Structure formats: C-alpha cells, structure tokens
Amino acid sequence: MFTLPPTVTPRAFERLAQIGAAKQGKALRVAVEGGGCSGFQYQITLDAPQGDDLVLEGAGEKVVVDQVSLPFLASAQIDFSDALIGARFVIENPNASTSCGCGTSFSI
C-alpha cells in the first residue's frame, strides 16, 4: 500500500532558516514515540540526518523523518505557528483520530 509522505510548509522552512539549522549541519527531526496523554506523541528536535531518513528539503533547509515514524505521519503537514499561545512547529495529521489540547500527542 502506497502512502503519501508528509509535507512541509514554506513557513516551517523559513523558521528553520531563521534558526540557522542548515548552517549548523542540522535538520528538523519529526518523530513519533509511544506515550503522551493520547497514546503517541510527537518528538521535534534539531538533529543530523541519518542514512535511512526521509529527507524533505526547501529553502536550503531539511526536515527528516525516520522510517519507523513515517507510517504515522503519512499525508501529514508540518507547519510553524507563531500564535498567542507560543511559537512552535505543529503537525496537522490526518491519521490522528484524537489529539490532546496542546497538539503534542495523538491516537490513531
């Protein structure tokens, strides 16, 4: 079964450029781990790309997803929000049946 990879918005790539991730040899790593109040949680860090990562590129920056997390993030959109509650990378995940109020955990 073929699934679409996640996408990254221009706003998220722009924020990575402001941070200077590529200049540091880093990429935004988006992973899914067990835990959180809804069953799974997003782990978002700056990290060096690994050999088997899916690499999404734009504006000279990279977002990477490991192979284990990839099915959980199929067709998801990675964005950056600078809202009143704070600035952060956010994930709109069509695979999530429920999510917590802060958006860091979800269930399928």
PDB file of N, CA and C in Angstrom:
ATOM      1  N   MET A   1       0.846  -1.187   0.000  1.00  0.00           N
ATOM      2  CA  MET A   1       0.000   0.000   0.000  1.00  0.00           C
ATOM      3  C   MET A   1       0.885   1.241   0.000  1.00  0.00           C
ATOM      4  N   PHE A   2       0.648   2.156  -0.910  1.00  0.00           N
ATOM      5  CA  PHE A   2       1.419   3.391  -1.027  1.00  0.00           C
ATOM      6  C   PHE A   2       0.749   4.497  -0.213  1.00  0.00           C
ATOM      7  N   THR A   3       1.528   5.188   0.563  1.00  0.00           N
ATOM      8  CA  THR A   3       1.017   6.340   1.306  1.00  0.00           C
ATOM      9  C   THR A   3       1.859   7.564   0.950  1.00  0.00           C
ATOM     10  N   LEU A   4       1.241   8.698   0.999  1.00  0.00           N
ATOM     11  CA  LEU A   4       1.940   9.936   0.688  1.00  0.00           C
ATOM     12  C   LEU A   4       2.815  10.352   1.864  1.00  0.00           C
ATOM     13  N   PRO A   5       4.000  10.859   1.583  1.00  0.00           N
ATOM     14  CA  PRO A   5       4.871  11.317   2.668  1.00  0.00           C
ATOM     15  C   PRO A   5       4.324  12.613   3.259  1.00  0.00           C
ATOM     16  N   PRO A   6       4.822  12.994   4.421  1.00  0.00           N
ATOM     17  CA  PRO A   6       4.410  14.287   4.977  1.00  0.00           C
ATOM     18  C   PRO A   6       4.919  15.424   4.096  1.00  0.00           C
ATOM     19  N   THR A   7       4.306  16.581   4.242  1.00  0.00           N
ATOM     20  CA  THR A   7       4.748  17.781   3.534  1.00  0.00           C
ATOM     21  C   THR A   7       5.154  18.830   4.572  1.00  0.00           C
ATOM     22  N   VAL A   8       5.915  19.792   4.119  1.00  0.00           N
ATOM     23  CA  VAL A   8       6.400  20.865   4.988  1.00  0.00           C
ATOM     24  C   VAL A   8       6.010  22.187   4.353  1.00  0.00           C
ATOM     25  N   THR A   9       5.434  23.080   5.137  1.00  0.00           N
ATOM     26  CA  THR A   9       5.022  24.381   4.607  1.00  0.00           C
ATOM     27  C   THR A   9       6.225  25.304   4.441  1.00  0.00           C
ATOM     28  N   PRO A  10       6.108  26.270   3.533  1.00  0.00           N
ATOM     29  CA  PRO A  10       7.176  27.270   3.388  1.00  0.00           C
ATOM     30  C   PRO A  10       7.454  27.999   4.708  1.00  0.00           C
ATOM     31  N   ARG A  11       6.413  28.239   5.502  1.00  0.00           N
ATOM     32  CA  ARG A  11       6.595  28.922   6.787  1.00  0.00           C
ATOM     33  C   ARG A  11       7.509  28.121   7.718  1.00  0.00           C
ATOM     34  N   ALA A  12       7.375  26.790   7.715  1.00  0.00           N
ATOM     35  CA  ALA A  12       8.240  25.954   8.558  1.00  0.00           C
ATOM     36  C   ALA A  12       9.685  26.011   8.063  1.00  0.00           C
ATOM     37  N   PHE A  13       9.876  25.940   6.749  1.00  0.00           N
ATOM     38  CA  PHE A  13      11.233  26.050   6.215  1.00  0.00           C
ATOM     39  C   PHE A  13      11.834  27.427   6.516  1.00  0.00           C
ATOM     40  N   GLU A  14      11.024  28.485   6.418  1.00  0.00           N
ATOM     41  CA  GLU A  14      11.508  29.833   6.734  1.00  0.00           C
ATOM     42  C   GLU A  14      11.971  29.922   8.183  1.00  0.00           C
ATOM     43  N   ARG A  15      11.218  29.317   9.097  1.00  0.00           N
ATOM     44  CA  ARG A  15      11.605  29.346  10.508  1.00  0.00           C
ATOM     45  C   ARG A  15      12.913  28.590  10.731  1.00  0.00           C
ATOM     46  N   LEU A  16      13.079  27.459  10.045  1.00  0.00           N
ATOM     47  CA  LEU A  16      14.342  26.717  10.152  1.00  0.00           C
ATOM     48  C   LEU A  16      15.506  27.572   9.654  1.00  0.00           C
ATOM     49  N   ALA A  17      15.289  28.329   8.586  1.00  0.00           N
ATOM     50  CA  ALA A  17      16.337  29.213   8.077  1.00  0.00           C
ATOM     51  C   ALA A  17      16.664  30.300   9.091  1.00  0.00           C
ATOM     52  N   GLN A  18      15.653  30.831   9.774  1.00  0.00           N
ATOM     53  CA  GLN A  18      15.889  31.837  10.812  1.00  0.00           C
ATOM     54  C   GLN A  18      16.706  31.256  11.963  1.00  0.00           C
ATOM     55  N   ILE A  19      16.426  30.010  12.303  1.00  0.00           N
ATOM     56  CA  ILE A  19      17.170  29.338  13.369  1.00  0.00           C
ATOM     57  C   ILE A  19      18.604  29.060  12.920  1.00  0.00           C
ATOM     58  N   GLY A  20      18.800  28.879  11.626  1.00  0.00           N
ATOM     59  CA  GLY A  20      20.118  28.557  11.092  1.00  0.00           C
ATOM     60  C   GLY A  20      20.452  27.084  11.204  1.00  0.00           C
ATOM     61  N   ALA A  21      19.439  26.235  11.095  1.00  0.00           N
ATOM     62  CA  ALA A  21      19.644  24.799  11.263  1.00  0.00           C
ATOM     63  C   ALA A  21      20.652  24.247  10.262  1.00  0.00           C
ATOM     64  N   ALA A  22      20.514  24.566   8.983  1.00  0.00           N
ATOM     65  CA  ALA A  22      21.405  24.025   7.960  1.00  0.00           C
ATOM     66  C   ALA A  22      22.844  24.483   8.184  1.00  0.00           C
ATOM     67  N   LYS A  23      23.018  25.713   8.641  1.00  0.00           N
ATOM     68  CA  LYS A  23      24.364  26.227   8.912  1.00  0.00           C
ATOM     69  C   LYS A  23      25.042  25.443  10.027  1.00  0.00           C
ATOM     70  N   GLN A  24      24.239  24.825  10.883  1.00  0.00           N
ATOM     71  CA  GLN A  24      24.763  24.009  11.980  1.00  0.00           C
ATOM     72  C   GLN A  24      24.875  22.537  11.585  1.00  0.00           C
ATOM     73  N   GLY A  25      24.529  22.201  10.327  1.00  0.00           N
ATOM     74  CA  GLY A  25      24.538  20.815   9.880  1.00  0.00           C
ATOM     75  C   GLY A  25      23.374  20.016  10.434  1.00  0.00           C
ATOM     76  N   LYS A  26      22.309  20.720  10.814  1.00  0.00           N
ATOM     77  CA  LYS A  26      21.154  20.075  11.447  1.00  0.00           C
ATOM     78  C   LYS A  26      19.924  20.172  10.553  1.00  0.00           C
ATOM     79  N   ALA A  27      18.957  19.329  10.885  1.00  0.00           N
ATOM     80  CA  ALA A  27      17.652  19.325  10.237  1.00  0.00           C
ATOM     81  C   ALA A  27      16.603  19.249  11.339  1.00  0.00           C
ATOM     82  N   LEU A  28      15.383  19.586  11.007  1.00  0.00           N
ATOM     83  CA  LEU A  28      14.284  19.407  11.953  1.00  0.00           C
ATOM     84  C   LEU A  28      13.872  17.940  11.882  1.00  0.00           C
ATOM     85  N   ARG A  29      14.044  17.220  12.977  1.00  0.00           N
ATOM     86  CA  ARG A  29      13.643  15.817  13.039  1.00  0.00           C
ATOM     87  C   ARG A  29      12.244  15.746  13.643  1.00  0.00           C
ATOM     88  N   VAL A  30      11.323  15.108  12.924  1.00  0.00           N
ATOM     89  CA  VAL A  30       9.971  14.875  13.406  1.00  0.00           C
ATOM     90  C   VAL A  30       9.815  13.374  13.571  1.00  0.00           C
ATOM     91  N   ALA A  31       9.549  12.936  14.798  1.00  0.00           N
ATOM     92  CA  ALA A  31       9.420  11.514  15.095  1.00  0.00           C
ATOM     93  C   ALA A  31       8.144  11.287  15.900  1.00  0.00           C
ATOM     94  N   VAL A  32       7.709  10.046  15.927  1.00  0.00           N
ATOM     95  CA  VAL A  32       6.551   9.640  16.713  1.00  0.00           C
ATOM     96  C   VAL A  32       7.027   8.588  17.705  1.00  0.00           C
ATOM     97  N   GLU A  33       6.659   8.791  18.979  1.00  0.00           N
ATOM     98  CA  GLU A  33       7.021   7.857  20.038  1.00  0.00           C
ATOM     99  C   GLU A  33       5.779   7.469  20.816  1.00  0.00           C
ATOM    100  N   GLY A  34       5.831   6.335  21.468  1.00  0.00           N
ATOM    101  CA  GLY A  34       4.740   5.942  22.353  1.00  0.00           C
ATOM    102  C   GLY A  34       4.738   6.834  23.578  1.00  0.00           C
ATOM    103  N   GLY A  35       3.558   7.107  24.109  1.00  0.00           N
ATOM    104  CA  GLY A  35       3.444   7.947  25.302  1.00  0.00           C
ATOM    105  C   GLY A  35       2.520   9.116  25.055  1.00  0.00           C
ATOM    106  N   GLY A  36       2.560  10.073  25.942  1.00  0.00           N
ATOM    107  CA  GLY A  36       1.674  11.218  25.828  1.00  0.00           C
ATOM    108  C   GLY A  36       0.288  10.870  26.340  1.00  0.00           C
ATOM    109  N   CYS A  37      -0.533  11.848  26.502  1.00  0.00           N
ATOM    110  CA  CYS A  37      -1.858  11.618  27.082  1.00  0.00           C
ATOM    111  C   CYS A  37      -2.826  10.933  26.125  1.00  0.00           C
ATOM    112  N   SER A  38      -2.485  10.868  24.821  1.00  0.00           N
ATOM    113  CA  SER A  38      -3.384  10.243  23.853  1.00  0.00           C
ATOM    114  C   SER A  38      -2.839   8.956  23.244  1.00  0.00           C
ATOM    115  N   GLY A  39      -1.678   8.492  23.661  1.00  0.00           N
ATOM    116  CA  GLY A  39      -1.135   7.231  23.163  1.00  0.00           C
ATOM    117  C   GLY A  39       0.178   7.366  22.420  1.00  0.00           C
ATOM    118  N   PHE A  40       0.283   8.331  21.517  1.00  0.00           N
ATOM    119  CA  PHE A  40       1.517   8.615  20.787  1.00  0.00           C
ATOM    120  C   PHE A  40       1.843  10.085  20.990  1.00  0.00           C
ATOM    121  N   GLN A  41       3.129  10.412  20.869  1.00  0.00           N
ATOM    122  CA  GLN A  41       3.500  11.818  20.977  1.00  0.00           C
ATOM    123  C   GLN A  41       4.534  12.170  19.916  1.00  0.00           C
ATOM    124  N   TYR A  42       4.496  13.430  19.491  1.00  0.00           N
ATOM    125  CA  TYR A  42       5.459  13.924  18.525  1.00  0.00           C
ATOM    126  C   TYR A  42       6.724  14.319  19.256  1.00  0.00           C
ATOM    127  N   GLN A  43       7.841  13.998  18.673  1.00  0.00           N
ATOM    128  CA  GLN A  43       9.141  14.426  19.178  1.00  0.00           C
ATOM    129  C   GLN A  43       9.746  15.299  18.089  1.00  0.00           C
ATOM    130  N   ILE A  44       9.987  16.576  18.376  1.00  0.00           N
ATOM    131  CA  ILE A  44      10.511  17.505  17.391  1.00  0.00           C
ATOM    132  C   ILE A  44      11.816  18.068  17.932  1.00  0.00           C
ATOM    133  N   THR A  45      12.908  17.783  17.208  1.00  0.00           N
ATOM    134  CA  THR A  45      14.236  18.206  17.647  1.00  0.00           C
ATOM    135  C   THR A  45      15.064  18.653  16.449  1.00  0.00           C
ATOM    136  N   LEU A  46      16.168  19.313  16.726  1.00  0.00           N
ATOM    137  CA  LEU A  46      17.167  19.582  15.697  1.00  0.00           C
ATOM    138  C   LEU A  46      18.191  18.466  15.796  1.00  0.00           C
ATOM    139  N   ASP A  47      18.477  17.816  14.676  1.00  0.00           N
ATOM    140  CA  ASP A  47      19.332  16.636  14.681  1.00  0.00           C
ATOM    141  C   ASP A  47      19.995  16.498  13.314  1.00  0.00           C
ATOM    142  N   ALA A  48      21.084  15.766  13.261  1.00  0.00           N
ATOM    143  CA  ALA A  48      21.738  15.478  11.983  1.00  0.00           C
ATOM    144  C   ALA A  48      20.955  14.390  11.254  1.00  0.00           C
ATOM    145  N   PRO A  49      20.770  14.525   9.952  1.00  0.00           N
ATOM    146  CA  PRO A  49      20.081  13.476   9.187  1.00  0.00           C
ATOM    147  C   PRO A  49      20.842  12.145   9.258  1.00  0.00           C
ATOM    148  N   GLN A  50      20.101  11.051   9.278  1.00  0.00           N
ATOM    149  CA  GLN A  50      20.669   9.700   9.281  1.00  0.00           C
ATOM    150  C   GLN A  50      20.438   9.077   7.911  1.00  0.00           C
ATOM    151  N   GLY A  51      21.165   8.020   7.606  1.00  0.00           N
ATOM    152  CA  GLY A  51      21.149   7.409   6.286  1.00  0.00           C
ATOM    153  C   GLY A  51      19.803   6.943   5.784  1.00  0.00           C
ATOM    154  N   ASP A  52      18.938   6.439   6.663  1.00  0.00           N
ATOM    155  CA  ASP A  52      17.655   5.894   6.202  1.00  0.00           C
ATOM    156  C   ASP A  52      16.479   6.847   6.417  1.00  0.00           C
ATOM    157  N   ASP A  53      16.745   8.089   6.790  1.00  0.00           N
ATOM    158  CA  ASP A  53      15.681   9.084   6.985  1.00  0.00           C
ATOM    159  C   ASP A  53      15.061   9.495   5.660  1.00  0.00           C
ATOM    160  N   LEU A  54      13.772   9.810   5.699  1.00  0.00           N
ATOM    161  CA  LEU A  54      13.138  10.525   4.598  1.00  0.00           C
ATOM    162  C   LEU A  54      13.563  11.982   4.770  1.00  0.00           C
ATOM    163  N   VAL A  55      14.081  12.592   3.732  1.00  0.00           N
ATOM    164  CA  VAL A  55      14.547  13.976   3.805  1.00  0.00           C
ATOM    165  C   VAL A  55      13.648  14.835   2.931  1.00  0.00           C
ATOM    166  N   LEU A  56      13.046  15.855   3.546  1.00  0.00           N
ATOM    167  CA  LEU A  56      12.212  16.826   2.846  1.00  0.00           C
ATOM    168  C   LEU A  56      12.987  18.140   2.836  1.00  0.00           C
ATOM    169  N   GLU A  57      13.171  18.733   1.649  1.00  0.00           N
ATOM    170  CA  GLU A  57      14.019  19.912   1.531  1.00  0.00           C
ATOM    171  C   GLU A  57      13.268  21.101   0.955  1.00  0.00           C
ATOM    172  N   GLY A  58      13.639  22.286   1.448  1.00  0.00           N
ATOM    173  CA  GLY A  58      13.086  23.530   0.945  1.00  0.00           C
ATOM    174  C   GLY A  58      13.842  24.704   1.517  1.00  0.00           C
ATOM    175  N   ALA A  59      14.047  25.731   0.740  1.00  0.00           N
ATOM    176  CA  ALA A  59      14.715  26.957   1.174  1.00  0.00           C
ATOM    177  C   ALA A  59      16.085  26.677   1.787  1.00  0.00           C
ATOM    178  N   GLY A  60      16.771  25.632   1.286  1.00  0.00           N
ATOM    179  CA  GLY A  60      18.091  25.296   1.803  1.00  0.00           C
ATOM    180  C   GLY A  60      18.073  24.590   3.146  1.00  0.00           C
ATOM    181  N   GLU A  61      16.891  24.238   3.626  1.00  0.00           N
ATOM    182  CA  GLU A  61      16.736  23.578   4.927  1.00  0.00           C
ATOM    183  C   GLU A  61      16.190  22.172   4.737  1.00  0.00           C
ATOM    184  N   LYS A  62      16.295  21.355   5.793  1.00  0.00           N
ATOM    185  CA  LYS A  62      15.828  19.973   5.722  1.00  0.00           C
ATOM    186  C   LYS A  62      14.955  19.632   6.922  1.00  0.00           C
ATOM    187  N   VAL A  63      13.958  18.798   6.647  1.00  0.00           N
ATOM    188  CA  VAL A  63      13.138  18.156   7.671  1.00  0.00           C
ATOM    189  C   VAL A  63      13.303  16.668   7.438  1.00  0.00           C
ATOM    190  N   VAL A  64      13.575  15.908   8.511  1.00  0.00           N
ATOM    191  CA  VAL A  64      13.786  14.474   8.363  1.00  0.00           C
ATOM    192  C   VAL A  64      12.797  13.693   9.224  1.00  0.00           C
ATOM    193  N   VAL A  65      12.423  12.514   8.705  1.00  0.00           N
ATOM    194  CA  VAL A  65      11.506  11.605   9.408  1.00  0.00           C
ATOM    195  C   VAL A  65      12.120  10.213   9.327  1.00  0.00           C
ATOM    196  N   ASP A  66      12.232   9.539  10.467  1.00  0.00           N
ATOM    197  CA  ASP A  66      12.773   8.186  10.464  1.00  0.00           C
ATOM    198  C   ASP A  66      11.748   7.205   9.900  1.00  0.00           C
ATOM    199  N   GLN A  67      12.216   6.036   9.475  1.00  0.00           N
ATOM    200  CA  GLN A  67      11.366   5.045   8.818  1.00  0.00           C
ATOM    201  C   GLN A  67      10.273   4.490   9.741  1.00  0.00           C
ATOM    202  N   VAL A  68      10.523   4.403  11.023  1.00  0.00           N
ATOM    203  CA  VAL A  68       9.512   3.892  11.963  1.00  0.00           C
ATOM    204  C   VAL A  68       8.369   4.887  12.111  1.00  0.00           C
ATOM    205  N   SER A  69       8.672   6.174  12.115  1.00  0.00           N
ATOM    206  CA  SER A  69       7.653   7.217  12.293  1.00  0.00           C
ATOM    207  C   SER A  69       6.875   7.516  11.025  1.00  0.00           C
ATOM    208  N   LEU A  70       7.461   7.188   9.885  1.00  0.00           N
ATOM    209  CA  LEU A  70       6.869   7.564   8.598  1.00  0.00           C
ATOM    210  C   LEU A  70       5.421   7.112   8.411  1.00  0.00           C
ATOM    211  N   PRO A  71       5.028   5.869   8.740  1.00  0.00           N
ATOM    212  CA  PRO A  71       3.617   5.491   8.550  1.00  0.00           C
ATOM    213  C   PRO A  71       2.642   6.316   9.399  1.00  0.00           C
ATOM    214  N   PHE A  72       3.079   6.763  10.565  1.00  0.00           N
ATOM    215  CA  PHE A  72       2.226   7.571  11.439  1.00  0.00           C
ATOM    216  C   PHE A  72       2.054   8.992  10.909  1.00  0.00           C
ATOM    217  N   LEU A  73       2.986   9.427  10.057  1.00  0.00           N
ATOM    218  CA  LEU A  73       2.980  10.793   9.548  1.00  0.00           C
ATOM    219  C   LEU A  73       2.600  10.872   8.070  1.00  0.00           C
ATOM    220  N   ALA A  74       2.086   9.777   7.506  1.00  0.00           N
ATOM    221  CA  ALA A  74       1.684   9.773   6.104  1.00  0.00           C
ATOM    222  C   ALA A  74       0.649  10.867   5.847  1.00  0.00           C
ATOM    223  N   SER A  75       0.885  11.667   4.844  1.00  0.00           N
ATOM    224  CA  SER A  75      -0.001  12.768   4.432  1.00  0.00           C
ATOM    225  C   SER A  75      -0.127  13.894   5.457  1.00  0.00           C
ATOM    226  N   ALA A  76       0.682  13.894   6.497  1.00  0.00           N
ATOM    227  CA  ALA A  76       0.641  14.966   7.497  1.00  0.00           C
ATOM    228  C   ALA A  76       1.297  16.225   6.937  1.00  0.00           C
ATOM    229  N   GLN A  77       0.993  17.352   7.555  1.00  0.00           N
ATOM    230  CA  GLN A  77       1.601  18.620   7.169  1.00  0.00           C
ATOM    231  C   GLN A  77       2.351  19.183   8.369  1.00  0.00           C
ATOM    232  N   ILE A  78       3.614  19.517   8.163  1.00  0.00           N
ATOM    233  CA  ILE A  78       4.449  20.109   9.206  1.00  0.00           C
ATOM    234  C   ILE A  78       4.493  21.600   8.944  1.00  0.00           C
ATOM    235  N   ASP A  79       4.116  22.374   9.945  1.00  0.00           N
ATOM    236  CA  ASP A  79       3.988  23.825   9.793  1.00  0.00           C
ATOM    237  C   ASP A  79       4.644  24.498  10.989  1.00  0.00           C
ATOM    238  N   PHE A  80       4.715  25.819  10.945  1.00  0.00           N
ATOM    239  CA  PHE A  80       5.191  26.607  12.080  1.00  0.00           C
ATOM    240  C   PHE A  80       4.107  27.610  12.433  1.00  0.00           C
ATOM    241  N   SER A  81       3.790  27.690  13.713  1.00  0.00           N
ATOM    242  CA  SER A  81       2.762  28.605  14.196  1.00  0.00           C
ATOM    243  C   SER A  81       3.384  29.590  15.179  1.00  0.00           C
ATOM    244  N   ASP A  82       3.067  30.844  15.000  1.00  0.00           N
ATOM    245  CA  ASP A  82       3.523  31.883  15.923  1.00  0.00           C
ATOM    246  C   ASP A  82       2.284  32.546  16.514  1.00  0.00           C
ATOM    247  N   ALA A  83       1.548  31.756  17.306  1.00  0.00           N
ATOM    248  CA  ALA A  83       0.262  32.193  17.856  1.00  0.00           C
ATOM    249  C   ALA A  83       0.438  32.758  19.260  1.00  0.00           C
ATOM    250  N   LEU A  84      -0.649  33.238  19.800  1.00  0.00           N
ATOM    251  CA  LEU A  84      -0.657  33.820  21.136  1.00  0.00           C
ATOM    252  C   LEU A  84      -0.171  32.826  22.192  1.00  0.00           C
ATOM    253  N   ILE A  85      -0.465  31.538  22.007  1.00  0.00           N
ATOM    254  CA  ILE A  85      -0.047  30.535  22.995  1.00  0.00           C
ATOM    255  C   ILE A  85       1.423  30.169  22.868  1.00  0.00           C
ATOM    256  N   GLY A  86       2.107  30.680  21.851  1.00  0.00           N
ATOM    257  CA  GLY A  86       3.528  30.440  21.691  1.00  0.00           C
ATOM    258  C   GLY A  86       3.898  30.063  20.275  1.00  0.00           C
ATOM    259  N   ALA A  87       5.170  30.201  19.989  1.00  0.00           N
ATOM    260  CA  ALA A  87       5.692  29.836  18.679  1.00  0.00           C
ATOM    261  C   ALA A  87       6.190  28.405  18.745  1.00  0.00           C
ATOM    262  N   ARG A  88       5.773  27.601  17.731  1.00  0.00           N
ATOM    263  CA  ARG A  88       6.183  26.192  17.736  1.00  0.00           C
ATOM    264  C   ARG A  88       5.889  25.569  16.388  1.00  0.00           C
ATOM    265  N   PHE A  89       6.584  24.464  16.134  1.00  0.00           N
ATOM    266  CA  PHE A  89       6.274  23.659  14.971  1.00  0.00           C
ATOM    267  C   PHE A  89       5.045  22.831  15.307  1.00  0.00           C
ATOM    268  N   VAL A  90       4.117  22.736  14.365  1.00  0.00           N
ATOM    269  CA  VAL A  90       2.872  21.999  14.582  1.00  0.00           C
ATOM    270  C   VAL A  90       2.684  20.986  13.454  1.00  0.00           C
ATOM    271  N   ILE A  91       1.961  19.925  13.772  1.00  0.00           N
ATOM    272  CA  ILE A  91       1.712  18.870  12.800  1.00  0.00           C
ATOM    273  C   ILE A  91       0.215  18.676  12.653  1.00  0.00           C
ATOM    274  N   GLU A  92      -0.258  18.815  11.432  1.00  0.00           N
ATOM    275  CA  GLU A  92      -1.649  18.512  11.107  1.00  0.00           C
ATOM    276  C   GLU A  92      -1.640  17.110  10.532  1.00  0.00           C
ATOM    277  N   ASN A  93      -2.157  16.161  11.307  1.00  0.00           N
ATOM    278  CA  ASN A  93      -2.041  14.754  10.956  1.00  0.00           C
ATOM    279  C   ASN A  93      -3.412  14.148  10.669  1.00  0.00           C
ATOM    280  N   PRO A  94      -3.701  13.811   9.413  1.00  0.00           N
ATOM    281  CA  PRO A  94      -4.999  13.223   9.087  1.00  0.00           C
ATOM    282  C   PRO A  94      -5.167  11.799   9.628  1.00  0.00           C
ATOM    283  N   ASN A  95      -4.084  11.178  10.080  1.00  0.00           N
ATOM    284  CA  ASN A  95      -4.136   9.824  10.635  1.00  0.00           C
ATOM    285  C   ASN A  95      -4.588   9.806  12.091  1.00  0.00           C
ATOM    286  N   ALA A  96      -4.550  10.945  12.754  1.00  0.00           N
ATOM    287  CA  ALA A  96      -4.895  11.028  14.170  1.00  0.00           C
ATOM    288  C   ALA A  96      -6.411  11.070  14.331  1.00  0.00           C
ATOM    289  N   SER A  97      -6.941  10.128  15.099  1.00  0.00           N
ATOM    290  CA  SER A  97      -8.383  10.132  15.359  1.00  0.00           C
ATOM    291  C   SER A  97      -8.726  11.080  16.498  1.00  0.00           C
ATOM    292  N   THR A  98      -7.826  11.233  17.451  1.00  0.00           N
ATOM    293  CA  THR A  98      -7.981  12.207  18.532  1.00  0.00           C
ATOM    294  C   THR A  98      -6.610  12.787  18.849  1.00  0.00           C
ATOM    295  N   SER A  99      -6.599  13.962  19.453  1.00  0.00           N
ATOM    296  CA  SER A  99      -5.344  14.563  19.891  1.00  0.00           C
ATOM    297  C   SER A  99      -5.595  15.345  21.164  1.00  0.00           C
ATOM    298  N   CYS A 100      -4.512  15.631  21.868  1.00  0.00           N
ATOM    299  CA  CYS A 100      -4.655  16.385  23.113  1.00  0.00           C
ATOM    300  C   CYS A 100      -4.805  17.867  22.786  1.00  0.00           C
ATOM    301  N   GLY A 101      -5.126  18.643  23.765  1.00  0.00           N
ATOM    302  CA  GLY A 101      -5.361  20.066  23.568  1.00  0.00           C
ATOM    303  C   GLY A 101      -4.137  20.830  23.105  1.00  0.00           C
ATOM    304  N   CYS A 102      -2.954  20.416  23.529  1.00  0.00           N
ATOM    305  CA  CYS A 102      -1.753  21.138  23.136  1.00  0.00           C
ATOM    306  C   CYS A 102      -1.202  20.680  21.805  1.00  0.00           C
ATOM    307  N   GLY A 103      -1.715  19.572  21.262  1.00  0.00           N
ATOM    308  CA  GLY A 103      -1.310  19.109  19.945  1.00  0.00           C
ATOM    309  C   GLY A 103      -0.030  18.312  19.899  1.00  0.00           C
ATOM    310  N   THR A 104       0.503  17.907  21.047  1.00  0.00           N
ATOM    311  CA  THR A 104       1.743  17.136  21.032  1.00  0.00           C
ATOM    312  C   THR A 104       1.527  15.638  21.115  1.00  0.00           C
ATOM    313  N   SER A 105       0.321  15.189  21.413  1.00  0.00           N
ATOM    314  CA  SER A 105       0.065  13.755  21.432  1.00  0.00           C
ATOM    315  C   SER A 105      -1.224  13.447  20.681  1.00  0.00           C
ATOM    316  N   PHE A 106      -1.340  12.191  20.248  1.00  0.00           N
ATOM    317  CA  PHE A 106      -2.489  11.808  19.433  1.00  0.00           C
ATOM    318  C   PHE A 106      -2.703  10.297  19.538  1.00  0.00           C
ATOM    319  N   SER A 107      -3.858   9.853  19.055  1.00  0.00           N
ATOM    320  CA  SER A 107      -4.117   8.420  18.934  1.00  0.00           C
ATOM    321  C   SER A 107      -4.593   8.144  17.510  1.00  0.00           C
ATOM    322  N   ILE A 108      -4.467   6.893  17.131  1.00  0.00           N
ATOM    323  CA  ILE A 108      -4.853   6.501  15.767  1.00  0.00           C
ATOM    324  C   ILE A 108      -6.044   5.570  15.846  1.00  0.00           C
TER     325      ILE A 108
END
